[in-house]
Every structure is written in structure tokens, then in C-alpha cells.
Amino acid sequence: MSEHPEDAPIAKLSLVSKFAAIDDHWNPRIVGELNGQHVKIAKIHGAFDWHHHEHEDELFLVHRGSFRMEFRDRAIDLEAGDILIVPRGVEHRPVADHEAEILMFEPAGTLNTGNVTSARTVREPERL
């Protein structure tokens, strides 16, 4: 059952104000949910851990800045406004040479580090 009852108010979400509330990197926050999916945002900078998600696809949208998604055999550069879907089971790591703001769309319960546990693993993301 959703945490949002049917009579909950419908309101717009300002990504600008949500990102303004974040002052760290690689720490995803939940800003919405629908149909068993979480909408998460994060500021990123530097290289993340190599990982994959056994059962979940991930959608990444660049809100501000740029980053590259590295795969073992290639890399894809992403700019503001770009979307990339990483299929389940594909090993990847995001790398941002400068701070970037990203939005992720993935099934609820998806760990940010997938099959890897590290100091960057966020088991229960904060809700903004």
C-alpha cells in the first residue's frame, strides 16, 4: 500500500529547491513515488563505485551539470536534459568531473550501490 492516501493533496515539486537542500554527494534522497517506484535526486562529484543491479533497471536524468556513465567496455557522456536507462545486470559507475545534479527513477528498495556494499551504501534514503 502506498504511503500516499488517495485524498492526499496534489502539489508540484520544485527540483531547484529540493537540490538546494542537499549539501553532500552520492547520498540519494526520495522526492516522490509512484507505482512502486521511487524518484530520487542526488548531487554527485567524483567517481562512484562499480556495481550492477540484479533485478532493477535504473533511469538517470541530468538536471544540472554533466557526468559520464562508465561501463566496462565504453563510456557515455551525459549533459543537462539527457536521460540514460541502465538495464538490470549491467555493471556501471557514474563519474562527475564537476558537481552535477541527477534524478533517478527506480523500484522502491533499490540500493544505490546495487550488488556492492560500501561506505556509500544508503539503505534507507531520506525523504525531502
N, C-alpha and C. Protein backbone atom coordinates (compact mmCIF):
# COMPACT_ATOMS: atom_id res chain seq x y z
N MET A 1 0.84 -1.19 0.00
CA MET A 1 0.00 0.00 0.00
C MET A 1 0.88 1.24 0.00
N SER A 2 0.52 2.20 -0.77
CA SER A 2 1.28 3.44 -0.88
C SER A 2 1.20 4.23 0.41
N GLU A 3 2.23 5.02 0.67
CA GLU A 3 2.21 5.90 1.84
C GLU A 3 1.36 7.13 1.57
N HIS A 4 0.87 7.27 0.36
CA HIS A 4 0.10 8.45 -0.02
C HIS A 4 -1.36 8.06 -0.23
N PRO A 5 -2.24 8.44 0.69
CA PRO A 5 -3.65 8.11 0.52
C PRO A 5 -4.24 8.82 -0.70
N GLU A 6 -5.31 8.29 -1.22
CA GLU A 6 -5.94 8.85 -2.41
C GLU A 6 -6.36 10.30 -2.24
N ASP A 7 -6.63 10.72 -1.01
CA ASP A 7 -7.07 12.09 -0.78
C ASP A 7 -5.90 13.04 -0.48
N ALA A 8 -4.66 12.57 -0.64
CA ALA A 8 -3.50 13.44 -0.41
C ALA A 8 -3.53 14.58 -1.43
N PRO A 9 -3.10 15.77 -1.03
CA PRO A 9 -3.11 16.89 -1.96
C PRO A 9 -2.13 16.67 -3.11
N ILE A 10 -2.52 17.13 -4.26
CA ILE A 10 -1.65 17.07 -5.44
C ILE A 10 -0.89 18.39 -5.48
N ALA A 11 0.43 18.31 -5.51
CA ALA A 11 1.24 19.51 -5.47
C ALA A 11 2.43 19.36 -6.39
N LYS A 12 2.88 20.47 -6.92
CA LYS A 12 4.07 20.42 -7.77
C LYS A 12 5.31 20.30 -6.91
N LEU A 13 6.37 19.86 -7.53
CA LEU A 13 7.65 19.68 -6.87
C LEU A 13 8.67 20.57 -7.56
N SER A 14 9.43 21.32 -6.80
CA SER A 14 10.48 22.17 -7.36
C SER A 14 11.83 21.47 -7.19
N LEU A 15 12.39 20.98 -8.30
CA LEU A 15 13.70 20.36 -8.23
C LEU A 15 14.77 21.34 -7.77
N VAL A 16 14.65 22.59 -8.18
CA VAL A 16 15.63 23.60 -7.77
C VAL A 16 15.68 23.70 -6.25
N SER A 17 14.52 23.79 -5.60
CA SER A 17 14.52 23.92 -4.13
C SER A 17 14.94 22.62 -3.46
N LYS A 18 14.58 21.49 -4.03
CA LYS A 18 15.00 20.20 -3.45
C LYS A 18 16.52 20.04 -3.52
N PHE A 19 17.11 20.36 -4.69
CA PHE A 19 18.56 20.26 -4.81
C PHE A 19 19.26 21.27 -3.89
N ALA A 20 18.64 22.43 -3.67
CA ALA A 20 19.24 23.45 -2.79
C ALA A 20 19.35 22.94 -1.35
N ALA A 21 18.52 21.97 -0.99
CA ALA A 21 18.54 21.42 0.36
C ALA A 21 19.63 20.36 0.56
N ILE A 22 20.34 20.02 -0.51
CA ILE A 22 21.37 18.97 -0.44
C ILE A 22 22.75 19.61 -0.43
N ASP A 23 23.58 19.20 0.53
CA ASP A 23 24.94 19.75 0.58
C ASP A 23 26.01 18.67 0.61
N ASP A 24 25.65 17.45 0.20
CA ASP A 24 26.63 16.37 0.12
C ASP A 24 26.51 15.65 -1.21
N HIS A 25 27.40 14.70 -1.44
CA HIS A 25 27.42 13.97 -2.71
C HIS A 25 27.15 12.48 -2.50
N TRP A 26 26.57 11.87 -3.52
CA TRP A 26 26.33 10.42 -3.55
C TRP A 26 25.39 9.95 -2.45
N ASN A 27 24.48 10.82 -2.01
CA ASN A 27 23.53 10.47 -0.96
C ASN A 27 22.12 10.72 -1.50
N PRO A 28 21.52 9.73 -2.16
CA PRO A 28 20.22 9.95 -2.80
C PRO A 28 19.11 10.23 -1.79
N ARG A 29 18.20 11.14 -2.19
CA ARG A 29 17.02 11.46 -1.40
C ARG A 29 15.78 11.13 -2.23
N ILE A 30 14.75 10.66 -1.57
CA ILE A 30 13.48 10.37 -2.24
C ILE A 30 12.65 11.65 -2.29
N VAL A 31 12.21 12.03 -3.49
CA VAL A 31 11.36 13.22 -3.62
C VAL A 31 9.96 12.87 -4.12
N GLY A 32 9.73 11.61 -4.46
CA GLY A 32 8.41 11.20 -4.91
C GLY A 32 8.36 9.70 -5.11
N GLU A 33 7.15 9.21 -5.27
CA GLU A 33 6.97 7.79 -5.55
C GLU A 33 5.68 7.57 -6.33
N LEU A 34 5.71 6.57 -7.17
CA LEU A 34 4.53 6.20 -7.93
C LEU A 34 4.67 4.77 -8.39
N ASN A 35 3.60 4.03 -8.32
CA ASN A 35 3.54 2.66 -8.84
C ASN A 35 4.71 1.80 -8.38
N GLY A 36 5.08 1.90 -7.11
CA GLY A 36 6.16 1.09 -6.59
C GLY A 36 7.56 1.57 -6.98
N GLN A 37 7.64 2.75 -7.56
CA GLN A 37 8.92 3.33 -7.98
C GLN A 37 9.26 4.54 -7.11
N HIS A 38 10.55 4.74 -6.87
CA HIS A 38 10.99 5.94 -6.18
C HIS A 38 11.62 6.90 -7.17
N VAL A 39 11.33 8.18 -6.98
CA VAL A 39 12.00 9.24 -7.71
C VAL A 39 13.02 9.81 -6.72
N LYS A 40 14.31 9.69 -7.06
CA LYS A 40 15.37 10.11 -6.16
C LYS A 40 16.22 11.18 -6.83
N ILE A 41 16.80 12.05 -6.01
CA ILE A 41 17.73 13.04 -6.52
C ILE A 41 19.02 12.94 -5.73
N ALA A 42 20.12 13.37 -6.35
CA ALA A 42 21.41 13.39 -5.67
C ALA A 42 22.33 14.38 -6.37
N LYS A 43 23.21 14.94 -5.59
CA LYS A 43 24.34 15.68 -6.15
C LYS A 43 25.50 14.69 -6.21
N ILE A 44 26.25 14.74 -7.31
CA ILE A 44 27.36 13.81 -7.48
C ILE A 44 28.63 14.57 -7.85
N HIS A 45 29.76 14.01 -7.45
CA HIS A 45 31.06 14.59 -7.81
C HIS A 45 32.11 13.51 -7.57
N GLY A 46 32.97 13.30 -8.55
CA GLY A 46 33.97 12.26 -8.45
C GLY A 46 33.44 10.97 -9.05
N ALA A 47 34.12 9.87 -8.73
CA ALA A 47 33.74 8.55 -9.27
C ALA A 47 33.00 7.75 -8.20
N PHE A 48 31.93 7.09 -8.61
CA PHE A 48 31.17 6.23 -7.71
C PHE A 48 31.73 4.81 -7.78
N ASP A 49 31.17 3.90 -7.02
CA ASP A 49 31.59 2.50 -7.01
C ASP A 49 31.09 1.76 -8.25
N TRP A 50 31.92 0.85 -8.77
CA TRP A 50 31.45 -0.07 -9.81
C TRP A 50 30.40 -0.98 -9.18
N HIS A 51 29.27 -1.17 -9.85
CA HIS A 51 28.21 -2.03 -9.32
C HIS A 51 27.21 -2.37 -10.43
N HIS A 52 26.30 -3.28 -10.12
CA HIS A 52 25.16 -3.54 -11.00
C HIS A 52 23.95 -3.85 -10.12
N HIS A 53 22.80 -3.83 -10.74
CA HIS A 53 21.54 -4.14 -10.05
C HIS A 53 20.98 -5.40 -10.70
N GLU A 54 20.90 -6.44 -9.93
CA GLU A 54 20.49 -7.75 -10.46
C GLU A 54 19.07 -7.74 -11.04
N HIS A 55 18.15 -7.03 -10.37
CA HIS A 55 16.74 -7.11 -10.75
C HIS A 55 16.12 -5.79 -11.18
N GLU A 56 16.87 -4.69 -11.13
CA GLU A 56 16.27 -3.39 -11.40
C GLU A 56 16.98 -2.66 -12.53
N ASP A 57 16.19 -2.07 -13.42
CA ASP A 57 16.70 -1.10 -14.38
C ASP A 57 16.75 0.23 -13.64
N GLU A 58 17.63 1.14 -14.09
CA GLU A 58 17.72 2.47 -13.48
C GLU A 58 17.64 3.52 -14.57
N LEU A 59 16.89 4.58 -14.30
CA LEU A 59 16.82 5.72 -15.19
C LEU A 59 17.55 6.87 -14.53
N PHE A 60 18.45 7.51 -15.28
CA PHE A 60 19.18 8.68 -14.81
C PHE A 60 18.81 9.86 -15.70
N LEU A 61 18.49 11.00 -15.09
CA LEU A 61 18.23 12.24 -15.82
C LEU A 61 19.16 13.30 -15.24
N VAL A 62 19.89 13.99 -16.11
CA VAL A 62 20.79 15.04 -15.64
C VAL A 62 19.99 16.33 -15.52
N HIS A 63 19.91 16.86 -14.33
CA HIS A 63 19.21 18.12 -14.08
C HIS A 63 20.13 19.31 -14.32
N ARG A 64 21.35 19.24 -13.77
CA ARG A 64 22.32 20.32 -13.92
C ARG A 64 23.71 19.71 -14.01
N GLY A 65 24.55 20.28 -14.85
CA GLY A 65 25.91 19.79 -14.98
C GLY A 65 26.01 18.68 -16.00
N SER A 66 27.02 17.85 -15.83
CA SER A 66 27.24 16.73 -16.73
C SER A 66 27.99 15.63 -15.98
N PHE A 67 27.89 14.43 -16.49
CA PHE A 67 28.67 13.32 -15.98
C PHE A 67 28.77 12.26 -17.06
N ARG A 68 29.62 11.27 -16.82
CA ARG A 68 29.69 10.16 -17.76
C ARG A 68 29.34 8.88 -17.03
N MET A 69 28.62 8.04 -17.72
CA MET A 69 28.33 6.72 -17.17
C MET A 69 29.35 5.78 -17.79
N GLU A 70 30.18 5.20 -16.93
CA GLU A 70 31.20 4.29 -17.40
C GLU A 70 30.68 2.85 -17.33
N PHE A 71 30.97 2.11 -18.38
CA PHE A 71 30.71 0.69 -18.46
C PHE A 71 32.06 0.03 -18.66
N ARG A 72 32.17 -1.25 -18.52
CA ARG A 72 33.47 -1.91 -18.65
C ARG A 72 34.04 -1.78 -20.06
N ASP A 73 33.18 -1.59 -21.06
CA ASP A 73 33.67 -1.54 -22.45
C ASP A 73 33.53 -0.17 -23.12
N ARG A 74 32.95 0.81 -22.43
CA ARG A 74 32.77 2.13 -23.03
C ARG A 74 32.26 3.10 -21.97
N ALA A 75 32.08 4.37 -22.39
CA ALA A 75 31.50 5.40 -21.51
C ALA A 75 30.53 6.23 -22.33
N ILE A 76 29.50 6.75 -21.68
CA ILE A 76 28.52 7.61 -22.33
C ILE A 76 28.50 8.93 -21.57
N ASP A 77 28.74 10.03 -22.31
CA ASP A 77 28.70 11.36 -21.72
C ASP A 77 27.26 11.87 -21.69
N LEU A 78 26.87 12.45 -20.57
CA LEU A 78 25.52 12.96 -20.38
C LEU A 78 25.58 14.42 -19.96
N GLU A 79 24.71 15.22 -20.56
CA GLU A 79 24.61 16.66 -20.28
C GLU A 79 23.23 16.95 -19.69
N ALA A 80 23.03 18.17 -19.19
CA ALA A 80 21.73 18.57 -18.64
C ALA A 80 20.63 18.29 -19.65
N GLY A 81 19.58 17.64 -19.18
CA GLY A 81 18.45 17.30 -20.04
C GLY A 81 18.53 15.90 -20.62
N ASP A 82 19.68 15.24 -20.52
CA ASP A 82 19.84 13.88 -21.06
C ASP A 82 19.30 12.84 -20.09
N ILE A 83 18.82 11.75 -20.65
CA ILE A 83 18.34 10.59 -19.90
C ILE A 83 19.09 9.37 -20.37
N LEU A 84 19.43 8.50 -19.42
CA LEU A 84 20.06 7.22 -19.73
C LEU A 84 19.39 6.15 -18.90
N ILE A 85 19.04 5.04 -19.53
CA ILE A 85 18.50 3.90 -18.80
C ILE A 85 19.57 2.81 -18.80
N VAL A 86 19.96 2.37 -17.61
CA VAL A 86 20.92 1.29 -17.46
C VAL A 86 20.12 0.02 -17.17
N PRO A 87 20.19 -0.96 -18.07
CA PRO A 87 19.43 -2.20 -17.86
C PRO A 87 19.96 -3.00 -16.67
N ARG A 88 19.09 -3.75 -16.05
CA ARG A 88 19.48 -4.61 -14.94
C ARG A 88 20.64 -5.52 -15.36
N GLY A 89 21.52 -5.77 -14.39
CA GLY A 89 22.63 -6.68 -14.64
C GLY A 89 23.84 -6.07 -15.31
N VAL A 90 23.75 -4.81 -15.78
CA VAL A 90 24.86 -4.18 -16.48
C VAL A 90 25.73 -3.41 -15.47
N GLU A 91 27.02 -3.79 -15.39
CA GLU A 91 27.92 -3.13 -14.46
C GLU A 91 28.22 -1.72 -14.94
N HIS A 92 28.20 -0.77 -14.01
CA HIS A 92 28.37 0.63 -14.37
C HIS A 92 28.87 1.43 -13.18
N ARG A 93 29.33 2.65 -13.47
CA ARG A 93 29.64 3.60 -12.41
C ARG A 93 29.55 5.00 -13.01
N PRO A 94 28.83 5.89 -12.34
CA PRO A 94 28.79 7.28 -12.75
C PRO A 94 30.05 8.01 -12.27
N VAL A 95 30.54 8.92 -13.12
CA VAL A 95 31.71 9.73 -12.80
C VAL A 95 31.43 11.17 -13.19
N ALA A 96 31.55 12.08 -12.23
CA ALA A 96 31.32 13.50 -12.49
C ALA A 96 32.60 14.27 -12.19
N ASP A 97 33.19 14.87 -13.21
CA ASP A 97 34.42 15.64 -13.02
C ASP A 97 34.15 16.93 -12.24
N HIS A 98 32.94 17.43 -12.33
CA HIS A 98 32.47 18.61 -11.59
C HIS A 98 31.11 18.25 -11.00
N GLU A 99 30.69 18.96 -9.98
CA GLU A 99 29.41 18.64 -9.36
C GLU A 99 28.28 18.66 -10.38
N ALA A 100 27.42 17.66 -10.29
CA ALA A 100 26.23 17.56 -11.14
C ALA A 100 25.04 17.19 -10.26
N GLU A 101 23.86 17.50 -10.76
CA GLU A 101 22.62 17.13 -10.09
C GLU A 101 21.87 16.15 -10.97
N ILE A 102 21.49 15.01 -10.38
CA ILE A 102 20.81 13.98 -11.16
C ILE A 102 19.52 13.54 -10.48
N LEU A 103 18.61 13.07 -11.31
CA LEU A 103 17.35 12.48 -10.86
C LEU A 103 17.39 11.03 -11.28
N MET A 104 17.00 10.12 -10.39
CA MET A 104 16.96 8.70 -10.69
C MET A 104 15.55 8.17 -10.47
N PHE A 105 15.17 7.24 -11.29
CA PHE A 105 13.86 6.61 -11.20
C PHE A 105 14.11 5.11 -11.16
N GLU A 106 13.70 4.48 -10.06
CA GLU A 106 13.99 3.05 -9.89
C GLU A 106 13.00 2.43 -8.90
N PRO A 107 12.86 1.10 -8.91
CA PRO A 107 11.94 0.46 -7.98
C PRO A 107 12.29 0.77 -6.53
N ALA A 108 11.28 0.95 -5.70
CA ALA A 108 11.48 1.19 -4.27
C ALA A 108 12.35 0.07 -3.71
N GLY A 109 13.25 0.43 -2.83
CA GLY A 109 14.12 -0.56 -2.21
C GLY A 109 15.42 -0.81 -2.95
N THR A 110 15.59 -0.19 -4.12
CA THR A 110 16.83 -0.37 -4.88
C THR A 110 17.97 0.30 -4.13
N LEU A 111 19.03 -0.44 -3.85
CA LEU A 111 20.20 0.14 -3.19
C LEU A 111 21.04 0.90 -4.19
N ASN A 112 21.52 2.05 -3.80
CA ASN A 112 22.32 2.88 -4.70
C ASN A 112 23.61 2.19 -5.14
N THR A 113 24.14 1.28 -4.33
CA THR A 113 25.36 0.56 -4.69
C THR A 113 25.07 -0.84 -5.22
N GLY A 114 23.81 -1.15 -5.48
CA GLY A 114 23.44 -2.42 -6.10
C GLY A 114 23.99 -3.63 -5.38
N ASN A 115 24.81 -4.41 -6.09
CA ASN A 115 25.34 -5.67 -5.56
C ASN A 115 26.56 -5.49 -4.65
N VAL A 116 26.97 -4.24 -4.42
CA VAL A 116 28.16 -3.94 -3.62
C VAL A 116 27.72 -3.21 -2.35
N THR A 117 28.37 -3.54 -1.23
CA THR A 117 28.15 -2.80 0.00
C THR A 117 29.43 -2.03 0.29
N SER A 118 29.28 -0.73 0.50
CA SER A 118 30.43 0.12 0.79
C SER A 118 30.00 1.23 1.73
N ALA A 119 30.91 2.12 2.03
CA ALA A 119 30.60 3.28 2.88
C ALA A 119 29.56 4.17 2.22
N ARG A 120 29.39 4.05 0.90
CA ARG A 120 28.42 4.88 0.18
C ARG A 120 27.03 4.26 0.09
N THR A 121 26.86 3.05 0.58
CA THR A 121 25.55 2.39 0.52
C THR A 121 24.56 3.14 1.41
N VAL A 122 23.41 3.50 0.83
CA VAL A 122 22.34 4.18 1.57
C VAL A 122 21.15 3.21 1.60
N ARG A 123 20.92 2.59 2.75
CA ARG A 123 19.86 1.58 2.86
C ARG A 123 18.46 2.19 2.94
N GLU A 124 18.34 3.33 3.61
CA GLU A 124 17.04 3.98 3.73
C GLU A 124 17.21 5.47 3.42
N PRO A 125 17.01 5.83 2.15
CA PRO A 125 17.19 7.23 1.77
C PRO A 125 16.21 8.16 2.49
N GLU A 126 16.71 9.33 2.82
CA GLU A 126 15.88 10.38 3.44
C GLU A 126 14.85 10.85 2.42
N ARG A 127 13.69 11.27 2.91
CA ARG A 127 12.67 11.86 2.05
C ARG A 127 12.75 13.37 2.17
N LEU A 128 12.78 14.04 1.04
CA LEU A 128 12.80 15.52 1.02
C LEU A 128 11.42 16.03 0.68
